[in-house]
Amino acid sequence: MTTIPVITLETIQASLTEAEILDAVKGALIAQARGEVNSPPPGMLMLSNPEGECHIKYGHLDGSDTFVIKIACGFFENPKIGLSAGSGMMLVFNAKTGVPVCILDDKGWLTNARTAAAGALAAQAGAPSAVTSVGIIGTGEQAELQATWTCKLLGIESVTVYGRTASHVKDYVERMEQNGYSVTVAPDIPTLMKSCNLVITTTPSNAALIMADDVQPGTHIVAMGTDNPGKQELDAALFPRAAVIMVDDHNQCVHHGDLGHAVRSGLVPEDADIALGAVLAGVKPGRTSDDDITIADLTGIAAEDMAVAGLVWSRQG
């Protein structure tokens, strides 16, 4: 049998730049909006003792020579034993024969990078004309990546952060300041919402964190932590106030995103959203005025995994 090549994390990281990942993820979101992606619902395995989750996403982009199966794990107690909370790999197959062509041993790095890119693009898509500070709710690895990628894309150097655990907030501030950002710590979420008009949520919360009454006119919110049934970051009552609701995938967001809580509560119709990819393609507006409240609900889509995996594979050999 022919040995399947394994592409290491170091090789993967050397193969891509942030700009290339942004372009790939943007193209994937646009392709998703156009219906050019064949991607079944994701698989989700939930574990306990300790708490963990495994997501399996897979799909094929029309015309691509390959299809991809992505396995991503999140075990949130791992940092206590010196391990990253995220891990995983991607498997690339020949789309004409079904023969595996490579294993991307990315240890979850590609998932983190494509998620950061999607969040930054979603932030840009709905941001008001003047953003002074990016608000971040959460202090984990993705909270740092979302802040960094979004600030770079929008040319912002100031971050306001809220986290539940003081030691985690302290560590977050130190990491961000080492990277050259000015960081303000908010004592609570309502205070953060008063000082920030661009806010990104990055938590595994199972109850709403941002309440509708705390959101000021002109605020754009990117919610990217609600990627499983049972999770929630946004008050369902916020959605009727939104002038624009963008989603990475309609079915996923209705099924297990923040949008789904509002739909099931009867607060907005199921067709209240538009595709983020349509906004990125310039087909639909991300906002109509600086007074709009806008929301981007992100659940993570296989198209993004296919895009970055295909880019890595194309650079080999």
C-alpha atoms as a PDB file:
ATOM      1  CA  MET A   1       0.000   0.000   0.000  1.00  0.00           C
ATOM      2  CA  THR A   2       1.094   3.549  -0.689  1.00  0.00           C
ATOM      3  CA  THR A   3       1.855   5.502   2.457  1.00  0.00           C
ATOM      4  CA  ILE A   4      -0.377   8.518   2.932  1.00  0.00           C
ATOM      5  CA  PRO A   5       1.771  11.626   3.388  1.00  0.00           C
ATOM      6  CA  VAL A   6       1.420  13.412   6.703  1.00  0.00           C
ATOM      7  CA  ILE A   7       1.949  17.165   6.533  1.00  0.00           C
ATOM      8  CA  THR A   8       3.198  18.511   9.843  1.00  0.00           C
ATOM      9  CA  LEU A   9       2.056  21.599  11.678  1.00  0.00           C
ATOM     10  CA  GLU A  10       5.380  23.313  10.992  1.00  0.00           C
ATOM     11  CA  THR A  11       5.032  22.721   7.248  1.00  0.00           C
ATOM     12  CA  ILE A  12       1.418  23.887   7.300  1.00  0.00           C
ATOM     13  CA  GLN A  13       2.288  27.116   9.081  1.00  0.00           C
ATOM     14  CA  ALA A  14       5.143  27.775   6.669  1.00  0.00           C
ATOM     15  CA  SER A  15       2.800  27.211   3.705  1.00  0.00           C
ATOM     16  CA  LEU A  16       0.335  29.997   4.470  1.00  0.00           C
ATOM     17  CA  THR A  17       0.238  33.685   5.294  1.00  0.00           C
ATOM     18  CA  GLU A  18      -2.566  35.411   7.176  1.00  0.00           C
ATOM     19  CA  ALA A  19      -3.517  37.301   4.009  1.00  0.00           C
ATOM     20  CA  GLU A  20      -3.833  34.034   2.093  1.00  0.00           C
ATOM     21  CA  ILE A  21      -5.993  32.497   4.819  1.00  0.00           C
ATOM     22  CA  LEU A  22      -8.259  35.562   4.809  1.00  0.00           C
ATOM     23  CA  ASP A  23      -8.643  35.357   1.029  1.00  0.00           C
ATOM     24  CA  ALA A  24      -9.345  31.616   1.169  1.00  0.00           C
ATOM     25  CA  VAL A  25     -11.952  31.952   3.914  1.00  0.00           C
ATOM     26  CA  LYS A  26     -13.601  34.903   2.161  1.00  0.00           C
ATOM     27  CA  GLY A  27     -13.849  32.822  -1.019  1.00  0.00           C
ATOM     28  CA  ALA A  28     -15.297  29.915   0.971  1.00  0.00           C
ATOM     29  CA  LEU A  29     -17.996  32.097   2.548  1.00  0.00           C
ATOM     30  CA  ILE A  30     -18.926  33.528  -0.840  1.00  0.00           C
ATOM     31  CA  ALA A  31     -19.075  30.030  -2.365  1.00  0.00           C
ATOM     32  CA  GLN A  32     -21.284  28.920   0.528  1.00  0.00           C
ATOM     33  CA  ALA A  33     -23.647  31.833  -0.117  1.00  0.00           C
ATOM     34  CA  ARG A  34     -23.840  30.916  -3.785  1.00  0.00           C
ATOM     35  CA  GLY A  35     -24.768  27.309  -3.063  1.00  0.00           C
ATOM     36  CA  GLU A  36     -21.519  25.951  -4.498  1.00  0.00           C
ATOM     37  CA  VAL A  37     -20.643  23.793  -1.477  1.00  0.00           C
ATOM     38  CA  ASN A  38     -21.811  20.236  -0.833  1.00  0.00           C
ATOM     39  CA  SER A  39     -21.638  19.911   2.945  1.00  0.00           C
ATOM     40  CA  PRO A  40     -23.879  17.699   5.123  1.00  0.00           C
ATOM     41  CA  PRO A  41     -24.707  18.711   8.721  1.00  0.00           C
ATOM     42  CA  PRO A  42     -21.675  18.426  11.022  1.00  0.00           C
ATOM     43  CA  GLY A  43     -21.180  15.567  13.430  1.00  0.00           C
ATOM     44  CA  MET A  44     -20.892  16.450  17.114  1.00  0.00           C
ATOM     45  CA  LEU A  45     -19.665  14.186  19.884  1.00  0.00           C
ATOM     46  CA  MET A  46     -20.053  15.527  23.427  1.00  0.00           C
ATOM     47  CA  LEU A  47     -18.039  14.041  26.288  1.00  0.00           C
ATOM     48  CA  SER A  48     -17.919  14.519  30.046  1.00  0.00           C
ATOM     49  CA  ASN A  49     -15.513  13.863  32.924  1.00  0.00           C
ATOM     50  CA  PRO A  50     -13.690  15.908  31.735  1.00  0.00           C
ATOM     51  CA  GLU A  51     -15.935  18.039  29.546  1.00  0.00           C
ATOM     52  CA  GLY A  52     -15.001  17.919  25.874  1.00  0.00           C
ATOM     53  CA  GLU A  53     -16.401  17.977  22.374  1.00  0.00           C
ATOM     54  CA  CYS A  54     -15.437  16.656  18.972  1.00  0.00           C
ATOM     55  CA  HIS A  55     -16.757  18.212  15.758  1.00  0.00           C
ATOM     56  CA  ILE A  56     -16.571  16.486  12.389  1.00  0.00           C
ATOM     57  CA  LYS A  57     -17.145  18.665   9.332  1.00  0.00           C
ATOM     58  CA  TYR A  58     -16.801  17.570   5.754  1.00  0.00           C
ATOM     59  CA  GLY A  59     -17.658  18.677   2.271  1.00  0.00           C
ATOM     60  CA  HIS A  60     -16.748  19.360  -1.323  1.00  0.00           C
ATOM     61  CA  LEU A  61     -16.543  22.600  -3.260  1.00  0.00           C
ATOM     62  CA  ASP A  62     -17.993  22.421  -6.773  1.00  0.00           C
ATOM     63  CA  GLY A  63     -15.222  21.712  -9.264  1.00  0.00           C
ATOM     64  CA  SER A  64     -12.542  20.966  -6.656  1.00  0.00           C
ATOM     65  CA  ASP A  65     -10.208  18.000  -7.177  1.00  0.00           C
ATOM     66  CA  THR A  66     -10.385  17.144  -3.479  1.00  0.00           C
ATOM     67  CA  PHE A  67     -12.841  16.874  -0.616  1.00  0.00           C
ATOM     68  CA  VAL A  68     -12.029  17.273   3.050  1.00  0.00           C
ATOM     69  CA  ILE A  69     -13.002  15.708   6.371  1.00  0.00           C
ATOM     70  CA  LYS A  70     -12.057  17.837   9.390  1.00  0.00           C
ATOM     71  CA  ILE A  71     -11.908  16.564  12.973  1.00  0.00           C
ATOM     72  CA  ALA A  72     -11.646  19.229  15.667  1.00  0.00           C
ATOM     73  CA  CYS A  73     -11.668  18.664  19.422  1.00  0.00           C
ATOM     74  CA  GLY A  74     -12.146  21.081  22.285  1.00  0.00           C
ATOM     75  CA  PHE A  75     -11.294  19.954  25.806  1.00  0.00           C
ATOM     76  CA  PHE A  76     -11.541  23.034  27.986  1.00  0.00           C
ATOM     77  CA  GLU A  77      -9.706  21.666  31.023  1.00  0.00           C
ATOM     78  CA  ASN A  78      -6.576  20.897  28.969  1.00  0.00           C
ATOM     79  CA  PRO A  79      -4.733  24.122  29.836  1.00  0.00           C
ATOM     80  CA  LYS A  80      -4.677  22.975  33.478  1.00  0.00           C
ATOM     81  CA  ILE A  81      -2.434  20.083  32.418  1.00  0.00           C
ATOM     82  CA  GLY A  82      -0.327  22.072  29.996  1.00  0.00           C
ATOM     83  CA  LEU A  83      -2.188  21.170  26.795  1.00  0.00           C
ATOM     84  CA  SER A  84      -4.014  23.332  24.274  1.00  0.00           C
ATOM     85  CA  ALA A  85      -7.795  23.294  24.587  1.00  0.00           C
ATOM     86  CA  GLY A  86      -8.045  22.648  20.851  1.00  0.00           C
ATOM     87  CA  SER A  87      -6.665  19.837  18.720  1.00  0.00           C
ATOM     88  CA  GLY A  88      -7.473  17.942  15.550  1.00  0.00           C
ATOM     89  CA  MET A  89      -6.541  17.132  11.976  1.00  0.00           C
ATOM     90  CA  MET A  90      -7.826  17.338   8.414  1.00  0.00           C
ATOM     91  CA  LEU A  91      -8.028  14.494   5.904  1.00  0.00           C
ATOM     92  CA  VAL A  92      -7.836  15.329   2.200  1.00  0.00           C
ATOM     93  CA  PHE A  93      -9.257  12.913  -0.411  1.00  0.00           C
ATOM     94  CA  ASN A  94      -9.209  12.749  -4.207  1.00  0.00           C
ATOM     95  CA  ALA A  95     -12.711  13.804  -5.297  1.00  0.00           C
ATOM     96  CA  LYS A  96     -12.613  11.576  -8.400  1.00  0.00           C
ATOM     97  CA  THR A  97     -11.515   8.339  -6.743  1.00  0.00           C
ATOM     98  CA  GLY A  98     -12.111   8.726  -3.007  1.00  0.00           C
ATOM     99  CA  VAL A  99      -8.471   7.827  -2.357  1.00  0.00           C
ATOM    100  CA  PRO A 100      -6.905   9.745   0.564  1.00  0.00           C
ATOM    101  CA  VAL A 101      -4.119  12.032  -0.617  1.00  0.00           C
ATOM    102  CA  CYS A 102      -2.795  13.448   2.671  1.00  0.00           C
ATOM    103  CA  ILE A 103      -3.285  13.972   6.371  1.00  0.00           C
ATOM    104  CA  LEU A 104      -2.895  17.503   7.671  1.00  0.00           C
ATOM    105  CA  ASP A 105      -1.583  17.072  11.214  1.00  0.00           C
ATOM    106  CA  ASP A 106      -2.412  20.668  12.082  1.00  0.00           C
ATOM    107  CA  LYS A 107      -3.288  19.971  15.757  1.00  0.00           C
ATOM    108  CA  GLY A 108      -6.265  22.303  15.401  1.00  0.00           C
ATOM    109  CA  TRP A 109      -4.190  25.245  14.119  1.00  0.00           C
ATOM    110  CA  LEU A 110      -6.005  25.491  10.782  1.00  0.00           C
ATOM    111  CA  THR A 111      -9.380  25.464  12.551  1.00  0.00           C
ATOM    112  CA  ASN A 112      -8.218  28.255  14.842  1.00  0.00           C
ATOM    113  CA  ALA A 113      -6.840  30.267  11.930  1.00  0.00           C
ATOM    114  CA  ARG A 114      -9.872  29.900   9.690  1.00  0.00           C
ATOM    115  CA  THR A 115     -12.170  30.759  12.629  1.00  0.00           C
ATOM    116  CA  ALA A 116     -10.151  33.882  13.353  1.00  0.00           C
ATOM    117  CA  ALA A 117     -10.279  34.841   9.689  1.00  0.00           C
ATOM    118  CA  ALA A 118     -14.043  34.323   9.511  1.00  0.00           C
ATOM    119  CA  GLY A 119     -14.535  36.425  12.632  1.00  0.00           C
ATOM    120  CA  ALA A 120     -12.403  39.244  11.281  1.00  0.00           C
ATOM    121  CA  LEU A 121     -14.243  39.201   7.952  1.00  0.00           C
ATOM    122  CA  ALA A 122     -17.595  39.189   9.757  1.00  0.00           C
ATOM    123  CA  ALA A 123     -16.433  42.098  11.910  1.00  0.00           C
ATOM    124  CA  GLN A 124     -15.431  44.051   8.820  1.00  0.00           C
ATOM    125  CA  ALA A 125     -18.704  43.216   7.051  1.00  0.00           C
ATOM    126  CA  GLY A 126     -20.897  44.897   9.659  1.00  0.00           C
ATOM    127  CA  ALA A 127     -18.605  47.361  11.436  1.00  0.00           C
ATOM    128  CA  PRO A 128     -19.766  50.960  11.774  1.00  0.00           C
ATOM    129  CA  SER A 129     -17.660  53.588  10.050  1.00  0.00           C
ATOM    130  CA  ALA A 130     -15.761  54.526  13.234  1.00  0.00           C
ATOM    131  CA  VAL A 131     -14.537  51.816  15.615  1.00  0.00           C
ATOM    132  CA  THR A 132     -12.290  52.951  18.445  1.00  0.00           C
ATOM    133  CA  SER A 133     -11.934  49.715  20.419  1.00  0.00           C
ATOM    134  CA  VAL A 134     -12.747  46.076  19.710  1.00  0.00           C
ATOM    135  CA  GLY A 135     -14.718  44.519  22.548  1.00  0.00           C
ATOM    136  CA  ILE A 136     -13.853  40.897  23.335  1.00  0.00           C
ATOM    137  CA  ILE A 137     -15.897  38.672  25.632  1.00  0.00           C
ATOM    138  CA  GLY A 138     -13.764  35.714  26.659  1.00  0.00           C
ATOM    139  CA  THR A 139     -10.059  35.241  27.399  1.00  0.00           C
ATOM    140  CA  GLY A 140      -9.088  31.990  25.685  1.00  0.00           C
ATOM    141  CA  GLU A 141      -7.015  31.255  22.603  1.00  0.00           C
ATOM    142  CA  GLN A 142      -9.769  32.240  20.189  1.00  0.00           C
ATOM    143  CA  ALA A 143     -10.389  35.472  22.107  1.00  0.00           C
ATOM    144  CA  GLU A 144      -6.780  36.433  21.436  1.00  0.00           C
ATOM    145  CA  LEU A 145      -6.925  35.382  17.784  1.00  0.00           C
ATOM    146  CA  GLN A 146     -10.204  37.177  17.101  1.00  0.00           C
ATOM    147  CA  ALA A 147      -8.881  40.393  18.609  1.00  0.00           C
ATOM    148  CA  THR A 148      -5.566  40.174  16.766  1.00  0.00           C
ATOM    149  CA  TRP A 149      -6.949  39.307  13.329  1.00  0.00           C
ATOM    150  CA  THR A 150      -9.796  41.830  13.564  1.00  0.00           C
ATOM    151  CA  CYS A 151      -7.567  44.653  14.775  1.00  0.00           C
ATOM    152  CA  LYS A 152      -5.087  44.000  11.954  1.00  0.00           C
ATOM    153  CA  LEU A 153      -7.808  43.907   9.316  1.00  0.00           C
ATOM    154  CA  LEU A 154      -9.515  47.087  10.544  1.00  0.00           C
ATOM    155  CA  GLY A 155      -6.374  48.982  11.574  1.00  0.00           C
ATOM    156  CA  ILE A 156      -7.301  49.204  15.277  1.00  0.00           C
ATOM    157  CA  GLU A 157      -4.854  49.059  18.168  1.00  0.00           C
ATOM    158  CA  SER A 158      -7.208  49.101  21.168  1.00  0.00           C
ATOM    159  CA  VAL A 159      -9.060  46.183  22.779  1.00  0.00           C
ATOM    160  CA  THR A 160     -11.542  46.089  25.657  1.00  0.00           C
ATOM    161  CA  VAL A 161     -11.921  42.685  27.291  1.00  0.00           C
ATOM    162  CA  TYR A 162     -14.269  41.046  29.765  1.00  0.00           C
ATOM    163  CA  GLY A 163     -13.640  37.646  31.327  1.00  0.00           C
ATOM    164  CA  ARG A 164     -15.098  35.850  34.339  1.00  0.00           C
ATOM    165  CA  THR A 165     -11.793  34.739  35.865  1.00  0.00           C
ATOM    166  CA  ALA A 166      -9.419  37.457  37.049  1.00  0.00           C
ATOM    167  CA  SER A 167      -6.259  35.393  36.510  1.00  0.00           C
ATOM    168  CA  HIS A 168      -7.288  34.573  32.948  1.00  0.00           C
ATOM    169  CA  VAL A 169      -8.004  38.239  32.251  1.00  0.00           C
ATOM    170  CA  LYS A 170      -4.581  39.185  33.588  1.00  0.00           C
ATOM    171  CA  ASP A 171      -2.873  36.619  31.344  1.00  0.00           C
ATOM    172  CA  TYR A 172      -4.902  37.803  28.347  1.00  0.00           C
ATOM    173  CA  VAL A 173      -3.945  41.433  28.911  1.00  0.00           C
ATOM    174  CA  GLU A 174      -0.270  40.514  29.181  1.00  0.00           C
ATOM    175  CA  ARG A 175      -0.342  38.519  25.928  1.00  0.00           C
ATOM    176  CA  MET A 176      -2.147  41.242  24.002  1.00  0.00           C
ATOM    177  CA  GLU A 177       0.083  44.014  25.340  1.00  0.00           C
ATOM    178  CA  GLN A 178       3.144  41.992  24.359  1.00  0.00           C
ATOM    179  CA  ASN A 179       1.743  42.018  20.826  1.00  0.00           C
ATOM    180  CA  GLY A 180       1.500  45.802  20.877  1.00  0.00           C
ATOM    181  CA  TYR A 181      -2.176  46.363  21.696  1.00  0.00           C
ATOM    182  CA  SER A 182      -3.659  48.715  24.250  1.00  0.00           C
ATOM    183  CA  VAL A 183      -6.037  46.746  26.490  1.00  0.00           C
ATOM    184  CA  THR A 184      -8.777  47.971  28.815  1.00  0.00           C
ATOM    185  CA  VAL A 185     -10.462  45.563  31.224  1.00  0.00           C
ATOM    186  CA  ALA A 186     -14.226  45.936  31.592  1.00  0.00           C
ATOM    187  CA  PRO A 187     -15.640  45.006  35.019  1.00  0.00           C
ATOM    188  CA  ASP A 188     -18.775  43.538  33.451  1.00  0.00           C
ATOM    189  CA  ILE A 189     -20.443  43.034  30.080  1.00  0.00           C
ATOM    190  CA  PRO A 190     -22.875  46.014  30.297  1.00  0.00           C
ATOM    191  CA  THR A 191     -19.880  48.320  30.832  1.00  0.00           C
ATOM    192  CA  LEU A 192     -18.090  46.794  27.839  1.00  0.00           C
ATOM    193  CA  MET A 193     -21.187  47.274  25.685  1.00  0.00           C
ATOM    194  CA  LYS A 194     -21.329  50.963  26.588  1.00  0.00           C
ATOM    195  CA  SER A 195     -17.752  51.582  25.472  1.00  0.00           C
ATOM    196  CA  CYS A 196     -17.520  49.364  22.351  1.00  0.00           C
ATOM    197  CA  ASN A 197     -19.511  49.436  19.124  1.00  0.00           C
ATOM    198  CA  LEU A 198     -17.801  46.319  17.713  1.00  0.00           C
ATOM    199  CA  VAL A 199     -18.000  43.290  20.014  1.00  0.00           C
ATOM    200  CA  ILE A 200     -16.887  39.690  19.471  1.00  0.00           C
ATOM    201  CA  THR A 201     -18.024  36.854  21.751  1.00  0.00           C
ATOM    202  CA  THR A 202     -15.702  33.864  22.059  1.00  0.00           C
ATOM    203  CA  THR A 203     -17.091  31.687  24.853  1.00  0.00           C
ATOM    204  CA  PRO A 204     -18.655  28.219  25.302  1.00  0.00           C
ATOM    205  CA  SER A 205     -21.491  29.772  27.323  1.00  0.00           C
ATOM    206  CA  ASN A 206     -24.833  27.955  27.666  1.00  0.00           C
ATOM    207  CA  ALA A 207     -26.721  31.102  28.711  1.00  0.00           C
ATOM    208  CA  ALA A 208     -27.004  34.539  27.118  1.00  0.00           C
ATOM    209  CA  LEU A 209     -24.177  36.924  27.971  1.00  0.00           C
ATOM    210  CA  ILE A 210     -25.131  40.023  25.978  1.00  0.00           C
ATOM    211  CA  MET A 211     -28.613  41.192  26.924  1.00  0.00           C
ATOM    212  CA  ALA A 212     -30.746  43.115  24.454  1.00  0.00           C
ATOM    213  CA  ASP A 213     -31.163  46.183  26.672  1.00  0.00           C
ATOM    214  CA  ASP A 214     -27.387  46.591  27.011  1.00  0.00           C
ATOM    215  CA  VAL A 215     -26.750  46.980  23.273  1.00  0.00           C
ATOM    216  CA  GLN A 216     -26.408  50.550  22.035  1.00  0.00           C
ATOM    217  CA  PRO A 217     -27.557  51.710  18.574  1.00  0.00           C
ATOM    218  CA  GLY A 218     -24.751  51.356  16.039  1.00  0.00           C
ATOM    219  CA  THR A 219     -23.264  48.215  17.605  1.00  0.00           C
ATOM    220  CA  HIS A 220     -22.041  45.302  15.511  1.00  0.00           C
ATOM    221  CA  ILE A 221     -21.770  41.948  17.294  1.00  0.00           C
ATOM    222  CA  VAL A 222     -19.923  38.894  16.014  1.00  0.00           C
ATOM    223  CA  ALA A 223     -21.017  35.806  17.957  1.00  0.00           C
ATOM    224  CA  MET A 224     -18.792  32.821  17.244  1.00  0.00           C
ATOM    225  CA  GLY A 225     -18.939  30.655  20.363  1.00  0.00           C
ATOM    226  CA  THR A 226     -22.363  29.065  19.891  1.00  0.00           C
ATOM    227  CA  ASP A 227     -21.412  26.076  17.767  1.00  0.00           C
ATOM    228  CA  ASN A 228     -23.298  23.292  19.580  1.00  0.00           C
ATOM    229  CA  PRO A 229     -26.912  22.759  20.618  1.00  0.00           C
ATOM    230  CA  GLY A 230     -27.338  24.132  24.119  1.00  0.00           C
ATOM    231  CA  LYS A 231     -24.830  26.951  23.785  1.00  0.00           C
ATOM    232  CA  GLN A 232     -25.895  30.606  23.756  1.00  0.00           C
ATOM    233  CA  GLU A 233     -24.099  33.955  23.904  1.00  0.00           C
ATOM    234  CA  LEU A 234     -26.754  36.456  22.760  1.00  0.00           C
ATOM    235  CA  ASP A 235     -30.125  37.302  24.277  1.00  0.00           C
ATOM    236  CA  ALA A 236     -32.779  36.076  21.829  1.00  0.00           C
ATOM    237  CA  ALA A 237     -34.607  39.382  22.341  1.00  0.00           C
ATOM    238  CA  LEU A 238     -31.695  41.184  20.666  1.00  0.00           C
ATOM    239  CA  PHE A 239     -32.426  39.724  17.249  1.00  0.00           C
ATOM    240  CA  PRO A 240     -35.657  41.690  16.556  1.00  0.00           C
ATOM    241  CA  ARG A 241     -33.643  44.874  17.158  1.00  0.00           C
ATOM    242  CA  ALA A 242     -31.076  43.981  14.508  1.00  0.00           C
ATOM    243  CA  ALA A 243     -31.295  45.689  11.124  1.00  0.00           C
ATOM    244  CA  VAL A 244     -29.059  42.980   9.611  1.00  0.00           C
ATOM    245  CA  ILE A 245     -28.481  39.393  10.771  1.00  0.00           C
ATOM    246  CA  MET A 246     -25.622  37.697   8.913  1.00  0.00           C
ATOM    247  CA  VAL A 247     -24.895  33.965   9.142  1.00  0.00           C
ATOM    248  CA  ASP A 248     -22.132  31.738   7.842  1.00  0.00           C
ATOM    249  CA  ASP A 249     -24.651  28.935   7.198  1.00  0.00           C
ATOM    250  CA  HIS A 250     -28.413  29.354   7.539  1.00  0.00           C
ATOM    251  CA  ASN A 251     -29.266  25.773   8.501  1.00  0.00           C
ATOM    252  CA  GLN A 252     -26.506  25.485  11.106  1.00  0.00           C
ATOM    253  CA  CYS A 253     -27.338  28.827  12.701  1.00  0.00           C
ATOM    254  CA  VAL A 254     -31.039  27.997  12.934  1.00  0.00           C
ATOM    255  CA  HIS A 255     -30.251  24.536  14.290  1.00  0.00           C
ATOM    256  CA  HIS A 256     -27.626  25.372  16.910  1.00  0.00           C
ATOM    257  CA  GLY A 257     -26.469  28.980  16.540  1.00  0.00           C
ATOM    258  CA  ASP A 258     -27.620  32.027  18.482  1.00  0.00           C
ATOM    259  CA  LEU A 259     -30.127  32.787  15.730  1.00  0.00           C
ATOM    260  CA  GLY A 260     -31.880  29.496  16.503  1.00  0.00           C
ATOM    261  CA  HIS A 261     -32.848  30.660  20.001  1.00  0.00           C
ATOM    262  CA  ALA A 262     -34.619  33.699  18.520  1.00  0.00           C
ATOM    263  CA  VAL A 263     -36.331  31.640  15.808  1.00  0.00           C
ATOM    264  CA  ARG A 264     -37.592  28.979  18.223  1.00  0.00           C
ATOM    265  CA  SER A 265     -38.859  31.715  20.553  1.00  0.00           C
ATOM    266  CA  GLY A 266     -40.898  33.203  17.708  1.00  0.00           C
ATOM    267  CA  LEU A 267     -39.046  36.518  17.976  1.00  0.00           C
ATOM    268  CA  VAL A 268     -37.857  36.547  14.354  1.00  0.00           C
ATOM    269  CA  PRO A 269     -38.908  34.495  11.323  1.00  0.00           C
ATOM    270  CA  GLU A 270     -36.626  31.726  10.128  1.00  0.00           C
ATOM    271  CA  ASP A 271     -35.765  33.743   7.023  1.00  0.00           C
ATOM    272  CA  ALA A 272     -34.652  36.834   8.958  1.00  0.00           C
ATOM    273  CA  ASP A 273     -30.994  36.317   8.084  1.00  0.00           C
ATOM    274  CA  ILE A 274     -28.769  36.881   5.083  1.00  0.00           C
ATOM    275  CA  ALA A 275     -25.573  35.060   4.131  1.00  0.00           C
ATOM    276  CA  LEU A 276     -22.330  36.628   5.312  1.00  0.00           C
ATOM    277  CA  GLY A 277     -20.859  35.545   1.971  1.00  0.00           C
ATOM    278  CA  ALA A 278     -23.421  37.692   0.148  1.00  0.00           C
ATOM    279  CA  VAL A 279     -22.229  40.715   2.125  1.00  0.00           C
ATOM    280  CA  LEU A 280     -18.580  39.902   1.432  1.00  0.00           C
ATOM    281  CA  ALA A 281     -19.394  39.556  -2.281  1.00  0.00           C
ATOM    282  CA  GLY A 282     -21.034  42.990  -2.280  1.00  0.00           C
ATOM    283  CA  VAL A 283     -24.453  41.571  -3.136  1.00  0.00           C
ATOM    284  CA  LYS A 284     -26.119  42.687   0.117  1.00  0.00           C
ATOM    285  CA  PRO A 285     -25.232  45.403   2.645  1.00  0.00           C
ATOM    286  CA  GLY A 286     -23.855  44.579   6.078  1.00  0.00           C
ATOM    287  CA  ARG A 287     -25.507  47.692   7.491  1.00  0.00           C
ATOM    288  CA  THR A 288     -27.496  50.624   6.135  1.00  0.00           C
ATOM    289  CA  SER A 289     -26.492  53.279   8.669  1.00  0.00           C
ATOM    290  CA  ASP A 290     -24.165  53.840  11.603  1.00  0.00           C
ATOM    291  CA  ASP A 291     -27.174  53.642  13.923  1.00  0.00           C
ATOM    292  CA  ASP A 292     -27.989  50.056  12.933  1.00  0.00           C
ATOM    293  CA  ILE A 293     -27.569  47.182  15.344  1.00  0.00           C
ATOM    294  CA  THR A 294     -26.111  44.316  13.323  1.00  0.00           C
ATOM    295  CA  ILE A 295     -25.269  40.707  14.185  1.00  0.00           C
ATOM    296  CA  ALA A 296     -23.038  38.081  12.590  1.00  0.00           C
ATOM    297  CA  ASP A 297     -23.802  34.572  13.875  1.00  0.00           C
ATOM    298  CA  LEU A 298     -20.949  32.160  13.113  1.00  0.00           C
ATOM    299  CA  THR A 299     -21.092  28.405  13.679  1.00  0.00           C
ATOM    300  CA  GLY A 300     -18.042  27.442  11.574  1.00  0.00           C
ATOM    301  CA  ILE A 301     -18.502  25.827   8.177  1.00  0.00           C
ATOM    302  CA  ALA A 302     -16.802  23.018   6.311  1.00  0.00           C
ATOM    303  CA  ALA A 303     -16.250  25.287   3.310  1.00  0.00           C
ATOM    304  CA  GLU A 304     -13.655  27.196   5.339  1.00  0.00           C
ATOM    305  CA  ASP A 305     -11.868  23.960   6.228  1.00  0.00           C
ATOM    306  CA  MET A 306     -11.887  22.861   2.593  1.00  0.00           C
ATOM    307  CA  ALA A 307     -10.467  26.192   1.501  1.00  0.00           C
ATOM    308  CA  VAL A 308      -7.492  26.231   3.867  1.00  0.00           C
ATOM    309  CA  ALA A 309      -6.790  22.499   3.516  1.00  0.00           C
ATOM    310  CA  GLY A 310      -6.859  22.742  -0.265  1.00  0.00           C
ATOM    311  CA  LEU A 311      -4.489  25.690  -0.139  1.00  0.00           C
ATOM    312  CA  VAL A 312      -1.986  23.738   1.975  1.00  0.00           C
ATOM    313  CA  TRP A 313      -2.201  20.677  -0.301  1.00  0.00           C
ATOM    314  CA  SER A 314      -1.690  22.828  -3.408  1.00  0.00           C
ATOM    315  CA  ARG A 315       1.611  24.057  -1.967  1.00  0.00           C
ATOM    316  CA  GLN A 316       3.088  20.581  -1.521  1.00  0.00           C
ATOM    317  CA  GLY A 317       5.376  18.726  -3.858  1.00  0.00           C
END
